[in-house]
Amino acid sequence: MRPKRPKSTRTVTVPYSGGVERRGPATMGQTNMIRCILRDDPVQINIHDVWPVPAGTRLESAVDALRALVVRHEALRTVFPHASGTAPCEQMVSAEGEFTVTVLDHEHLPREPARYAESVARQARADRFLLDREFPLRISLVALAGAPVHVALAASHAATDGSALAVLREEWLLLLAGEPLPPLTALAPLDLAAEEAAPAGLRKSEASLRYWERIIRTGPQAMFAEPGATGTDVRVPQLTLRSRRGARALALVAERTGSLPSTVLLTAWCALIAHRTDQTACVAAVPTSNRYTPRLARSVNTVSQDALLSLDVQVPSFDALLSKAWGAALNAYRHSQFDSLSLWEMIGRTTVERGSHFARDIVFNDVSTLPATLATATAQDAAGPEPELCWGQEQVLPTRVLTFVYQTAPMLHLSIWADPALFTRDEAEGFLTGLVQLLEAVGEEDVKLTSLTEVTGVRPVERGADWRRVDGCWISPPAVADALSQALEGLPVHVTMEAPPEDTPPEGGGGPGLTAFIASGGSPLTPAKAHTALMGALPGRPGLLAPRRYVIVQDPPAEADRSSAWLRQQILMEGTGRDRRM
């Protein structure tokens, strides 16, 4: 059924006053989100929500309640001034101003008003927020014969995250009910920025950077390092699963093991991802709200940042993995407060030293503890296939697999965006049904991880005979040779695997590594120039890892047995390439 068009659309300008004007640095969370806002497609980074309007609410009352929220919460009166071409680093809170509300008035609403409001809110996400001057909420009131029915809003992620929208929804409903609001004890963004700049806050950020660096220096540079993985921005369709069987199984596992359902689901997802990618660890970005203290629990602010989970799956069974997952997740969450600019500086330095490219290629975002819009808009009692799988629209994403968990009970409701170059539609559906089958199996008893193919139907990727595990990463040495040759404008290159020399720096890692032989033909080539050229070729090609050592010779060997002949060539220069002075 096509959504009914509103009978009329009008804009209401809402003035406000009574706040306090303030100015200061941006918080770590704001800086992190601003970086994403300036880089990513607005649909990816903006957020939205739909609020129900209690029956009998007058339009003026709904607008007055919105005005009260704006005066109460500084984040809604905040802009981020900055010069053109630069990223904001400070925030400014206004004491007074105005915002607008769009009223979409209908003679008749669509059969599912909540879904219609959801579509209105999603449409409002499409345009980029102007950080230096735009009000951070785009608010529409869906009305029937002048009476508001739903609030549909899109929000700038620089001002709010999902938890903040939940706080605003709760307080808005309290205002409409005439109930008093709780005392405002949560930290405002500027107060949080001051705490983050204090010595204790700086120590916490530095500890997070050390945690991230250890994983980026030693873990797999990408989970989906395989022949089909190419490009950095992938057009991916949405696949949604709804399953009461999955929810019942999840509850049974939680009861049998004494674990939280959220931890069980995360463990099952990690186990299946690691099984599908044939990795010994699951490294995933797990966004978290960072609301661990009472003063942040109800803060209207964006305090969500990535936690980087590294879960070693080299254990015999699911229960053994589950026992490790809780501690690994806590460790990741504990190290998810950081200065994002310093983080990416560290990532740049570490990856150059390692010769890798950090790929945020899998993301697991569990928002089931929030009042998720899609979950509330879903008919919970409708009979249908079990499990129900539904394909949705495509999005361009910088990830290989993105998972959103909207609800875990009474229905397991989640969506996955899986790179179609790695998953056919049947394989993507098989992955989600395999997840349900895994939950059902471990709901009855512990399951050996070596039996995941039989239990779930999901098979590990087949990479081919030329792929090797090097420094914790799956890579193709012939592909490294080809990429390095192309980066050096066609110079002959031969890549071998061998144990690192005794003077290999610590960032080289342990075990066998790659050595690249390059025939320079007399060109002024150095190991540093070769390494720099190859590093530029790594993004979007997760099967490449830079050699630990570059050996430059004059000419390629003439012998047919080129592998051994390269070793006998006269060496002009050699080194790691990591020393820029070479």
Protein backbone atom coordinates (compact mmCIF):
# COMPACT_ATOMS: atom_id res chain seq x y z
CA MET A 1 0.00 0.00 0.00
CA ARG A 2 1.41 3.38 -1.02
CA PRO A 3 1.66 5.93 1.84
CA LYS A 4 -1.12 8.52 1.69
CA ARG A 5 0.02 12.03 0.93
CA PRO A 6 -0.68 14.63 3.61
CA LYS A 7 -3.64 16.94 3.04
CA SER A 8 -1.40 19.84 4.01
CA THR A 9 2.20 20.48 4.98
CA ARG A 10 3.17 23.49 7.01
CA THR A 11 6.19 24.64 8.97
CA VAL A 12 5.92 25.94 12.53
CA THR A 13 8.75 28.15 13.79
CA VAL A 14 9.38 27.59 17.50
CA PRO A 15 11.34 30.24 19.44
CA TYR A 16 13.06 29.35 22.70
CA SER A 17 14.92 31.22 25.44
CA GLY A 18 16.09 30.72 29.00
CA GLY A 19 19.28 28.78 28.39
CA VAL A 20 22.86 29.76 29.21
CA GLU A 21 25.38 30.63 26.51
CA ARG A 22 28.61 28.60 26.75
CA ARG A 23 31.58 27.71 24.57
CA GLY A 24 34.42 25.20 24.80
CA PRO A 25 36.13 22.18 23.24
CA ALA A 26 34.26 19.30 21.65
CA THR A 27 34.09 15.98 23.47
CA MET A 28 35.84 12.82 22.27
CA GLY A 29 32.52 11.36 21.18
CA GLN A 30 31.54 14.50 19.31
CA THR A 31 34.91 14.69 17.57
CA ASN A 32 34.64 11.05 16.57
CA MET A 33 31.14 11.50 15.12
CA ILE A 34 32.06 14.76 13.38
CA ARG A 35 34.84 12.94 11.59
CA CYS A 36 32.28 10.39 10.35
CA ILE A 37 29.74 13.08 9.45
CA LEU A 38 32.26 14.89 7.26
CA ARG A 39 33.38 11.62 5.58
CA ASP A 40 30.37 9.30 5.31
CA ASP A 41 27.13 9.39 3.38
CA PRO A 42 24.50 11.17 5.54
CA VAL A 43 22.16 8.17 5.37
CA GLN A 44 24.87 6.07 7.04
CA ILE A 45 25.72 8.42 9.89
CA ASN A 46 22.56 10.39 10.70
CA ILE A 47 20.14 8.66 13.10
CA HIS A 48 16.37 8.74 13.53
CA ASP A 49 13.53 7.80 15.84
CA VAL A 50 9.72 7.74 15.92
CA TRP A 51 7.82 8.77 19.04
CA PRO A 52 4.16 7.89 19.71
CA VAL A 53 1.89 10.80 20.60
CA PRO A 54 -0.62 10.06 23.38
CA ALA A 55 -4.24 10.27 22.26
CA GLY A 56 -5.83 13.67 22.89
CA THR A 57 -2.54 15.62 22.66
CA ARG A 58 -2.99 19.06 21.12
CA LEU A 59 -0.49 20.29 18.54
CA GLU A 60 0.44 23.25 20.74
CA SER A 61 1.20 20.93 23.68
CA ALA A 62 3.44 18.73 21.52
CA VAL A 63 5.37 21.77 20.32
CA ASP A 64 5.66 23.23 23.83
CA ALA A 65 7.11 19.95 25.10
CA LEU A 66 9.69 19.99 22.32
CA ARG A 67 10.62 23.57 23.26
CA ALA A 68 11.08 22.54 26.90
CA LEU A 69 13.50 19.77 25.87
CA VAL A 70 15.57 22.21 23.83
CA VAL A 71 15.90 24.61 26.76
CA ARG A 72 16.68 21.75 29.18
CA HIS A 73 19.43 20.04 27.13
CA GLU A 74 22.47 21.98 25.92
CA ALA A 75 23.24 19.47 23.15
CA LEU A 76 20.09 20.63 21.32
CA ARG A 77 21.28 24.23 21.42
CA THR A 78 24.80 23.44 20.25
CA VAL A 79 26.56 24.18 16.98
CA PHE A 80 30.18 23.55 15.98
CA PRO A 81 31.75 26.69 14.48
CA HIS A 82 34.68 26.14 12.13
CA ALA A 83 36.37 27.68 9.14
CA SER A 84 35.59 26.32 5.70
CA GLY A 85 37.71 23.29 4.85
CA THR A 86 38.51 22.46 8.48
CA ALA A 87 36.98 20.06 10.99
CA PRO A 88 35.29 21.55 14.09
CA CYS A 89 37.12 21.19 17.37
CA GLU A 90 34.90 23.34 19.61
CA GLN A 91 31.22 23.72 20.40
CA MET A 92 29.02 26.72 21.14
CA VAL A 93 25.80 26.58 23.16
CA SER A 94 23.16 29.25 22.49
CA ALA A 95 21.01 30.80 25.21
CA GLU A 96 18.12 31.45 22.83
CA GLY A 97 17.10 30.83 19.25
CA GLU A 98 14.50 29.01 17.21
CA PHE A 99 13.84 25.72 15.44
CA THR A 100 11.18 24.47 13.06
CA VAL A 101 8.62 21.67 13.14
CA THR A 102 7.02 20.33 9.95
CA VAL A 103 3.36 19.34 10.37
CA LEU A 104 2.14 16.67 7.94
CA ASP A 105 -1.64 16.74 8.29
CA HIS A 106 -3.73 13.89 6.80
CA GLU A 107 -7.40 13.21 6.23
CA HIS A 108 -6.65 9.48 6.43
CA LEU A 109 -3.47 7.82 7.65
CA PRO A 110 -1.93 4.73 6.02
CA ARG A 111 -2.90 1.34 7.46
CA GLU A 112 0.38 1.22 9.48
CA PRO A 113 0.95 4.78 10.75
CA ALA A 114 4.13 3.85 12.64
CA ARG A 115 5.74 2.47 9.50
CA TYR A 116 4.72 5.57 7.59
CA ALA A 117 6.27 7.78 10.29
CA GLU A 118 9.37 5.59 10.08
CA SER A 119 9.64 6.34 6.35
CA VAL A 120 9.26 10.08 7.02
CA ALA A 121 12.06 9.94 9.59
CA ARG A 122 14.31 7.96 7.25
CA GLN A 123 13.80 10.47 4.43
CA ALA A 124 14.93 13.24 6.78
CA ARG A 125 18.27 11.44 7.24
CA ALA A 126 19.21 11.89 3.58
CA ASP A 127 20.80 15.37 3.83
CA ARG A 128 23.99 16.27 5.67
CA PHE A 129 23.59 18.38 8.80
CA LEU A 130 25.35 21.77 8.63
CA LEU A 131 27.37 21.52 11.83
CA ASP A 132 28.15 25.22 12.19
CA ARG A 133 24.56 26.48 12.10
CA GLU A 134 21.82 23.85 11.77
CA PHE A 135 19.51 22.77 14.59
CA PRO A 136 20.46 19.13 15.29
CA LEU A 137 16.92 17.69 15.01
CA ARG A 138 14.70 17.58 11.92
CA ILE A 139 11.24 17.17 13.40
CA SER A 140 8.02 16.23 11.63
CA LEU A 141 4.65 15.78 13.33
CA VAL A 142 2.44 13.25 11.53
CA ALA A 143 -1.12 14.44 12.22
CA LEU A 144 -4.65 13.20 11.56
CA ALA A 145 -7.20 16.01 11.11
CA GLY A 146 -4.89 18.37 13.00
CA ALA A 147 -4.17 16.01 15.90
CA PRO A 148 -0.55 14.76 16.14
CA VAL A 149 -0.15 10.98 16.02
CA HIS A 150 3.61 10.41 15.70
CA VAL A 151 6.80 12.43 15.93
CA ALA A 152 9.23 11.46 13.15
CA LEU A 153 12.68 12.92 13.58
CA ALA A 154 16.19 12.65 12.20
CA ALA A 155 19.11 13.70 14.38
CA SER A 156 22.68 14.79 13.93
CA HIS A 157 24.99 12.17 15.41
CA ALA A 158 27.21 15.02 16.61
CA ALA A 159 24.49 15.97 19.10
CA THR A 160 22.83 12.68 20.06
CA ASP A 161 23.19 8.93 19.91
CA GLY A 162 20.51 6.23 20.25
CA SER A 163 20.52 6.37 24.05
CA ALA A 164 20.13 10.15 24.01
CA LEU A 165 17.11 9.89 21.71
CA ALA A 166 15.61 7.38 24.14
CA VAL A 167 16.06 9.88 27.00
CA LEU A 168 14.44 12.64 24.94
CA ARG A 169 11.50 10.39 24.06
CA GLU A 170 10.91 9.45 27.70
CA GLU A 171 11.09 13.05 28.91
CA TRP A 172 8.82 14.28 26.11
CA LEU A 173 6.15 11.77 27.11
CA LEU A 174 6.49 12.82 30.77
CA LEU A 175 5.98 16.46 29.80
CA LEU A 176 2.84 15.60 27.82
CA ALA A 177 1.53 13.63 30.80
CA GLY A 178 2.11 16.60 33.10
CA GLU A 179 4.63 14.63 35.14
CA PRO A 180 7.76 16.26 36.65
CA LEU A 181 11.05 15.56 34.93
CA PRO A 182 13.86 13.95 36.93
CA PRO A 183 16.57 16.30 38.23
CA LEU A 184 19.13 17.17 35.55
CA THR A 185 22.24 15.51 37.02
CA ALA A 186 23.80 14.10 33.84
CA LEU A 187 26.89 15.70 32.39
CA ALA A 188 26.33 18.24 29.63
CA PRO A 189 28.72 17.92 26.67
CA LEU A 190 30.95 20.81 27.77
CA ASP A 191 31.25 19.36 31.28
CA LEU A 192 32.18 15.98 29.84
CA ALA A 193 34.81 17.64 27.63
CA ALA A 194 36.37 19.18 30.75
CA GLU A 195 36.56 15.77 32.46
CA GLU A 196 38.11 14.18 29.38
CA ALA A 197 40.82 16.85 29.32
CA ALA A 198 41.67 16.25 33.00
CA PRO A 199 44.61 13.91 33.87
CA ALA A 200 42.35 10.93 34.63
CA GLY A 201 40.52 11.36 31.33
CA LEU A 202 43.76 11.58 29.39
CA ARG A 203 45.08 8.41 31.06
CA LYS A 204 41.90 6.56 30.08
CA SER A 205 42.27 7.68 26.47
CA GLU A 206 45.94 6.67 26.36
CA ALA A 207 45.09 3.21 27.75
CA SER A 208 42.48 2.81 25.01
CA LEU A 209 45.03 3.68 22.34
CA ARG A 210 47.46 1.07 23.69
CA TYR A 211 44.69 -1.55 23.65
CA TRP A 212 43.73 -0.73 20.05
CA GLU A 213 47.37 -0.67 18.94
CA ARG A 214 48.02 -4.17 20.27
CA ILE A 215 45.13 -5.58 18.24
CA ILE A 216 45.93 -3.62 15.09
CA ARG A 217 49.59 -4.63 15.32
CA THR A 218 49.01 -8.36 15.88
CA GLY A 219 45.46 -9.32 14.81
CA PRO A 220 44.15 -9.98 11.30
CA GLN A 221 44.21 -6.76 9.31
CA ALA A 222 40.83 -7.76 7.82
CA MET A 223 38.43 -10.56 8.63
CA PHE A 224 37.31 -10.93 5.02
CA ALA A 225 40.71 -11.34 3.38
CA GLU A 226 39.77 -13.53 0.43
CA PRO A 227 39.73 -13.39 -3.38
CA GLY A 228 36.35 -11.65 -3.76
CA ALA A 229 37.04 -8.83 -1.29
CA THR A 230 37.79 -5.69 -3.29
CA GLY A 231 37.03 -1.99 -2.95
CA THR A 232 36.52 0.19 0.10
CA ASP A 233 32.89 1.25 -0.42
CA VAL A 234 30.48 -1.54 -1.30
CA ARG A 235 26.84 -1.36 -2.40
CA VAL A 236 25.11 -3.81 -0.08
CA PRO A 237 21.46 -4.88 0.24
CA GLN A 238 19.78 -5.25 3.63
CA LEU A 239 18.63 -8.69 4.76
CA THR A 240 16.34 -8.81 7.81
CA LEU A 241 15.63 -11.83 9.98
CA ARG A 242 12.70 -12.19 12.37
CA SER A 243 12.52 -15.43 14.32
CA ARG A 244 10.60 -16.51 17.40
CA ARG A 245 12.54 -19.79 17.25
CA GLY A 246 15.76 -17.80 17.47
CA ALA A 247 14.50 -15.83 20.47
CA ARG A 248 13.42 -19.01 22.29
CA ALA A 249 16.77 -20.64 21.55
CA LEU A 250 18.65 -17.57 22.74
CA ALA A 251 16.73 -17.64 26.03
CA LEU A 252 17.48 -21.35 26.47
CA VAL A 253 21.23 -20.81 25.96
CA ALA A 254 21.19 -17.92 28.44
CA GLU A 255 19.38 -20.09 30.99
CA ARG A 256 21.61 -23.13 30.44
CA THR A 257 24.89 -21.19 30.68
CA GLY A 258 23.91 -18.39 33.08
CA SER A 259 24.97 -15.78 30.51
CA LEU A 260 23.26 -12.64 29.28
CA PRO A 261 21.32 -13.08 26.02
CA SER A 262 23.29 -10.21 24.45
CA THR A 263 26.59 -11.99 25.22
CA VAL A 264 25.26 -15.28 23.87
CA LEU A 265 24.20 -13.66 20.60
CA LEU A 266 27.50 -11.81 20.22
CA THR A 267 29.41 -15.06 20.86
CA ALA A 268 27.36 -17.01 18.32
CA TRP A 269 27.81 -14.28 15.72
CA CYS A 270 31.58 -14.12 16.31
CA ALA A 271 31.88 -17.90 16.16
CA LEU A 272 30.06 -18.05 12.83
CA ILE A 273 31.96 -15.09 11.35
CA ALA A 274 35.31 -16.61 12.33
CA HIS A 275 34.19 -19.99 10.98
CA ARG A 276 33.08 -18.48 7.65
CA THR A 277 36.31 -16.48 7.25
CA ASP A 278 38.58 -19.28 8.56
CA GLN A 279 40.18 -16.94 11.08
CA THR A 280 41.61 -17.81 14.48
CA ALA A 281 40.18 -14.66 16.04
CA CYS A 282 37.13 -12.51 15.46
CA VAL A 283 38.08 -8.82 15.38
CA ALA A 284 34.99 -6.64 15.13
CA ALA A 285 33.91 -3.07 15.74
CA VAL A 286 31.20 -3.13 18.40
CA PRO A 287 29.74 0.36 18.88
CA THR A 288 28.93 1.09 22.49
CA SER A 289 27.21 3.99 24.21
CA ASN A 290 29.90 4.41 26.93
CA ARG A 291 27.22 5.21 29.52
CA TYR A 292 28.84 3.40 32.41
CA THR A 293 28.59 6.05 35.11
CA PRO A 294 25.39 7.56 36.58
CA ARG A 295 26.40 10.99 35.31
CA LEU A 296 26.44 9.71 31.73
CA ALA A 297 23.51 7.27 31.85
CA ARG A 298 20.93 9.95 30.96
CA SER A 299 23.20 12.42 29.19
CA VAL A 300 21.73 13.93 26.02
CA ASN A 301 24.97 13.83 24.12
CA THR A 302 26.78 11.56 21.70
CA VAL A 303 29.02 9.37 23.83
CA SER A 304 28.91 6.35 21.52
CA GLN A 305 32.28 5.19 20.20
CA ASP A 306 33.62 1.97 18.74
CA ALA A 307 34.77 -0.80 21.00
CA LEU A 308 37.25 -3.04 19.21
CA LEU A 309 36.53 -6.64 20.16
CA SER A 310 39.20 -9.29 19.67
CA LEU A 311 37.88 -12.75 20.54
CA ASP A 312 40.25 -15.71 20.17
CA VAL A 313 38.15 -18.60 18.81
CA GLN A 314 40.85 -21.25 19.24
CA VAL A 315 38.86 -23.13 21.88
CA PRO A 316 37.16 -26.54 21.64
CA SER A 317 33.52 -25.64 22.15
CA PHE A 318 30.86 -22.93 22.19
CA ASP A 319 30.63 -22.87 25.98
CA ALA A 320 34.40 -22.34 26.24
CA LEU A 321 34.13 -19.47 23.79
CA LEU A 322 31.19 -17.99 25.67
CA SER A 323 33.19 -18.02 28.90
CA LYS A 324 35.87 -15.91 27.20
CA ALA A 325 33.49 -13.59 25.34
CA TRP A 326 32.18 -11.69 28.37
CA GLY A 327 35.68 -10.73 29.53
CA ALA A 328 36.77 -9.87 25.98
CA ALA A 329 33.71 -7.68 25.48
CA LEU A 330 34.21 -5.90 28.82
CA ASN A 331 37.84 -5.26 27.91
CA ALA A 332 36.76 -3.82 24.58
CA TYR A 333 34.11 -1.59 26.17
CA ARG A 334 36.56 -0.44 28.83
CA HIS A 335 38.87 0.82 26.08
CA SER A 336 36.27 2.59 23.96
CA GLN A 337 36.84 6.15 25.18
CA PHE A 338 39.57 7.84 23.17
CA ASP A 339 40.60 10.89 21.24
CA SER A 340 39.61 9.83 17.71
CA LEU A 341 42.24 12.05 16.06
CA SER A 342 44.97 10.44 18.16
CA LEU A 343 43.47 7.03 17.43
CA TRP A 344 43.70 7.46 13.67
CA GLU A 345 47.20 8.92 13.95
CA MET A 346 48.16 5.78 15.87
CA ILE A 347 46.46 3.55 13.30
CA GLY A 348 48.32 5.30 10.48
CA ARG A 349 51.68 4.92 12.21
CA THR A 350 51.09 1.32 13.28
CA THR A 351 49.89 0.13 9.90
CA VAL A 352 52.86 1.71 8.11
CA GLU A 353 55.21 -0.03 10.54
CA ARG A 354 53.40 -3.35 10.19
CA GLY A 355 52.79 -2.96 6.47
CA SER A 356 49.06 -3.55 6.82
CA HIS A 357 45.80 -1.68 6.26
CA PHE A 358 43.31 -1.72 9.13
CA ALA A 359 39.88 -2.60 7.76
CA ARG A 360 36.77 -1.98 9.85
CA ASP A 361 35.20 -4.67 7.72
CA ILE A 362 32.78 -6.20 10.22
CA VAL A 363 30.54 -4.30 12.62
CA PHE A 364 28.12 -5.68 15.22
CA ASN A 365 25.74 -3.08 16.65
CA ASP A 366 23.30 -4.33 19.29
CA VAL A 367 20.64 -1.67 19.91
CA SER A 368 18.12 -4.11 21.36
CA THR A 369 18.23 -2.45 24.78
CA LEU A 370 16.97 0.81 23.23
CA PRO A 371 13.36 1.41 22.17
CA ALA A 372 14.25 0.53 18.56
CA THR A 373 12.01 2.10 15.96
CA LEU A 374 11.90 -0.87 13.61
CA ALA A 375 11.05 -3.29 16.39
CA THR A 376 8.12 -1.18 17.61
CA ALA A 377 6.87 -0.78 14.04
CA THR A 378 6.81 -4.54 13.45
CA ALA A 379 3.63 -6.57 13.82
CA GLN A 380 4.66 -8.96 16.58
CA ASP A 381 1.73 -11.35 16.36
CA ALA A 382 1.57 -11.83 12.62
CA ALA A 383 1.90 -15.43 11.49
CA GLY A 384 4.53 -16.04 8.86
CA PRO A 385 7.44 -18.20 7.80
CA GLU A 386 9.92 -19.24 10.47
CA PRO A 387 12.43 -17.81 10.34
CA GLU A 388 11.21 -14.86 8.26
CA LEU A 389 13.80 -13.41 5.88
CA CYS A 390 13.17 -10.19 3.99
CA TRP A 391 15.41 -8.30 1.55
CA GLY A 392 15.49 -4.48 1.66
CA GLN A 393 17.16 -1.54 0.02
CA GLU A 394 20.83 -1.26 -0.89
CA GLN A 395 23.28 1.07 0.83
CA VAL A 396 26.88 1.99 0.09
CA LEU A 397 28.88 0.92 3.15
CA PRO A 398 32.60 0.88 4.01
CA THR A 399 32.19 -2.60 5.57
CA ARG A 400 31.95 -6.22 4.38
CA VAL A 401 29.39 -7.31 6.98
CA LEU A 402 27.31 -4.97 9.13
CA THR A 403 24.84 -6.39 11.67
CA PHE A 404 22.20 -4.48 13.62
CA VAL A 405 20.34 -6.29 16.42
CA TYR A 406 17.00 -4.59 17.09
CA GLN A 407 15.29 -7.08 19.40
CA THR A 408 16.11 -10.35 21.16
CA ALA A 409 12.73 -11.19 22.78
CA PRO A 410 10.01 -12.23 22.21
CA MET A 411 11.37 -12.23 18.66
CA LEU A 412 14.95 -12.25 17.42
CA HIS A 413 14.99 -9.33 14.99
CA LEU A 414 18.19 -8.30 13.26
CA SER A 415 19.46 -7.09 9.91
CA ILE A 416 22.66 -7.87 8.07
CA TRP A 417 24.33 -6.10 5.18
CA ALA A 418 26.74 -8.60 3.56
CA ASP A 419 29.06 -7.80 0.64
CA PRO A 420 27.43 -9.49 -2.39
CA ALA A 421 30.89 -10.23 -3.81
CA LEU A 422 31.43 -12.53 -0.81
CA PHE A 423 27.87 -13.73 -0.15
CA THR A 424 25.32 -14.68 -2.77
CA ARG A 425 21.76 -14.08 -1.65
CA ASP A 426 21.42 -17.75 -0.80
CA GLU A 427 24.66 -17.63 1.22
CA ALA A 428 23.57 -14.51 3.12
CA GLU A 429 20.26 -16.14 3.98
CA GLY A 430 22.11 -19.31 4.90
CA PHE A 431 24.33 -17.36 7.27
CA LEU A 432 21.33 -15.98 9.20
CA THR A 433 19.45 -19.27 9.27
CA GLY A 434 22.73 -20.90 10.34
CA LEU A 435 22.91 -18.43 13.22
CA VAL A 436 19.45 -19.53 14.39
CA GLN A 437 20.42 -23.20 14.00
CA LEU A 438 23.56 -22.62 16.07
CA LEU A 439 21.51 -21.01 18.85
CA GLU A 440 19.07 -23.92 18.79
CA ALA A 441 21.89 -26.45 18.99
CA VAL A 442 23.68 -24.77 21.90
CA GLY A 443 20.31 -24.28 23.62
CA GLU A 444 20.26 -28.03 24.12
CA GLU A 445 23.94 -28.76 24.79
CA ASP A 446 27.48 -27.55 24.23
CA VAL A 447 28.65 -27.68 20.59
CA LYS A 448 32.17 -28.35 19.33
CA LEU A 449 33.40 -25.51 17.13
CA THR A 450 34.84 -28.04 14.69
CA SER A 451 31.26 -29.11 13.91
CA LEU A 452 29.94 -25.68 12.87
CA THR A 453 29.63 -26.63 9.21
CA GLU A 454 27.43 -29.60 10.07
CA VAL A 455 25.39 -27.67 12.64
CA THR A 456 24.82 -24.48 10.64
CA GLY A 457 25.40 -25.34 6.98
CA VAL A 458 27.87 -22.42 6.75
CA ARG A 459 31.15 -23.43 5.12
CA PRO A 460 34.56 -21.78 5.52
CA VAL A 461 35.78 -19.79 2.54
CA GLU A 462 38.05 -21.52 0.02
CA ARG A 463 40.96 -19.23 -0.77
CA GLY A 464 43.14 -21.26 -3.10
CA ALA A 465 46.60 -22.82 -2.90
CA ASP A 466 48.51 -19.53 -3.21
CA TRP A 467 47.09 -18.04 0.02
CA ARG A 468 49.14 -18.13 3.23
CA ARG A 469 48.71 -16.97 6.81
CA VAL A 470 51.42 -14.38 7.39
CA ASP A 471 51.80 -12.35 10.59
CA GLY A 472 48.27 -13.29 11.65
CA CYS A 473 46.75 -12.29 8.29
CA TRP A 474 45.54 -14.28 5.30
CA ILE A 475 47.41 -12.97 2.24
CA SER A 476 48.32 -13.99 -1.31
CA PRO A 477 52.09 -13.58 -1.94
CA PRO A 478 51.64 -13.59 -5.77
CA ALA A 479 49.06 -10.81 -5.41
CA VAL A 480 51.53 -8.86 -3.26
CA ALA A 481 54.16 -9.22 -5.98
CA ASP A 482 51.74 -8.07 -8.68
CA ALA A 483 50.55 -5.08 -6.64
CA LEU A 484 54.11 -4.01 -5.82
CA SER A 485 55.14 -4.31 -9.46
CA GLN A 486 52.19 -2.18 -10.54
CA ALA A 487 52.92 0.39 -7.84
CA LEU A 488 56.53 0.60 -9.14
CA GLU A 489 55.37 1.11 -12.74
CA GLY A 490 56.04 -2.42 -13.88
CA LEU A 491 59.41 -3.21 -12.30
CA PRO A 492 59.93 -6.99 -11.96
CA VAL A 493 59.13 -8.22 -8.45
CA HIS A 494 59.45 -11.61 -6.79
CA VAL A 495 58.03 -12.31 -3.31
CA THR A 496 59.12 -15.20 -1.12
CA MET A 497 58.21 -16.43 2.35
CA GLU A 498 61.05 -16.86 4.78
CA ALA A 499 61.96 -16.38 8.41
CA PRO A 500 62.69 -12.76 9.31
CA PRO A 501 66.32 -11.64 9.70
CA GLU A 502 67.63 -11.16 13.21
CA ASP A 503 67.47 -7.37 12.87
CA THR A 504 63.75 -7.35 11.95
CA PRO A 505 62.09 -4.66 14.12
CA PRO A 506 59.47 -5.66 16.71
CA GLU A 507 56.59 -4.49 14.50
CA GLY A 508 57.45 -7.29 12.08
CA GLY A 509 55.85 -9.90 14.33
CA GLY A 510 56.93 -13.50 14.73
CA GLY A 511 56.97 -16.44 12.35
CA PRO A 512 57.67 -16.47 8.64
CA GLY A 513 57.26 -13.23 6.72
CA LEU A 514 57.53 -11.93 3.18
CA THR A 515 60.64 -10.73 1.41
CA ALA A 516 60.30 -8.81 -1.86
CA PHE A 517 63.05 -8.88 -4.50
CA ILE A 518 62.82 -5.93 -6.88
CA ALA A 519 64.83 -5.49 -10.08
CA SER A 520 65.32 -1.74 -10.20
CA GLY A 521 67.05 -1.58 -13.60
CA GLY A 522 69.30 1.15 -12.27
CA SER A 523 66.47 3.43 -11.08
CA PRO A 524 67.07 5.28 -7.78
CA LEU A 525 64.77 2.93 -5.84
CA THR A 526 65.08 2.45 -2.09
CA PRO A 527 63.25 0.10 0.29
CA ALA A 528 61.44 3.11 1.75
CA LYS A 529 60.16 4.19 -1.67
CA ALA A 530 59.05 0.64 -2.43
CA HIS A 531 57.23 0.35 0.91
CA THR A 532 55.51 3.70 0.48
CA ALA A 533 54.36 2.76 -3.02
CA LEU A 534 52.90 -0.55 -1.83
CA MET A 535 51.16 1.01 1.16
CA GLY A 536 49.24 3.21 -1.26
CA ALA A 537 47.92 0.07 -2.98
CA LEU A 538 46.63 -1.67 0.16
CA PRO A 539 43.22 0.01 0.72
CA GLY A 540 40.43 -2.13 -0.67
CA ARG A 541 42.72 -5.15 -1.16
CA PRO A 542 42.73 -7.05 2.16
CA GLY A 543 44.72 -9.95 0.67
CA LEU A 544 47.87 -7.81 0.56
CA LEU A 545 50.42 -7.33 3.32
CA ALA A 546 53.69 -5.48 2.87
CA PRO A 547 56.90 -7.54 2.98
CA ARG A 548 59.06 -7.31 6.04
CA ARG A 549 62.11 -6.77 3.87
CA TYR A 550 62.77 -5.29 0.44
CA VAL A 551 65.82 -6.48 -1.50
CA ILE A 552 66.74 -4.36 -4.51
CA VAL A 553 68.81 -5.87 -7.31
CA GLN A 554 69.91 -4.51 -10.68
CA ASP A 555 68.20 -6.91 -13.08
CA PRO A 556 65.86 -9.91 -12.89
CA PRO A 557 67.47 -13.33 -13.26
CA ALA A 558 67.55 -14.96 -16.67
CA GLU A 559 67.20 -18.52 -15.41
CA ALA A 560 63.92 -20.37 -15.81
CA ASP A 561 63.93 -21.23 -12.11
CA ARG A 562 63.34 -17.61 -11.13
CA SER A 563 62.56 -18.35 -7.47
CA SER A 564 66.01 -19.58 -6.54
CA ALA A 565 67.76 -17.40 -9.12
CA TRP A 566 66.48 -14.22 -7.46
CA LEU A 567 68.34 -15.25 -4.30
CA ARG A 568 71.65 -15.31 -6.20
CA GLN A 569 71.38 -11.79 -7.67
CA GLN A 570 73.78 -9.10 -6.50
CA ILE A 571 72.10 -6.95 -3.88
CA LEU A 572 72.20 -3.19 -4.41
CA MET A 573 70.27 -2.25 -1.26
CA GLU A 574 68.02 -3.91 1.27
CA GLY A 575 65.98 -2.95 4.31
CA THR A 576 62.56 -2.94 5.92
CA GLY A 577 61.42 0.20 4.11
CA ARG A 578 59.97 1.51 7.36
CA ASP A 579 62.90 3.89 7.86
CA ARG A 580 62.03 6.97 5.83
CA ARG A 581 65.68 8.04 5.76
CA MET A 582 66.67 5.12 3.53
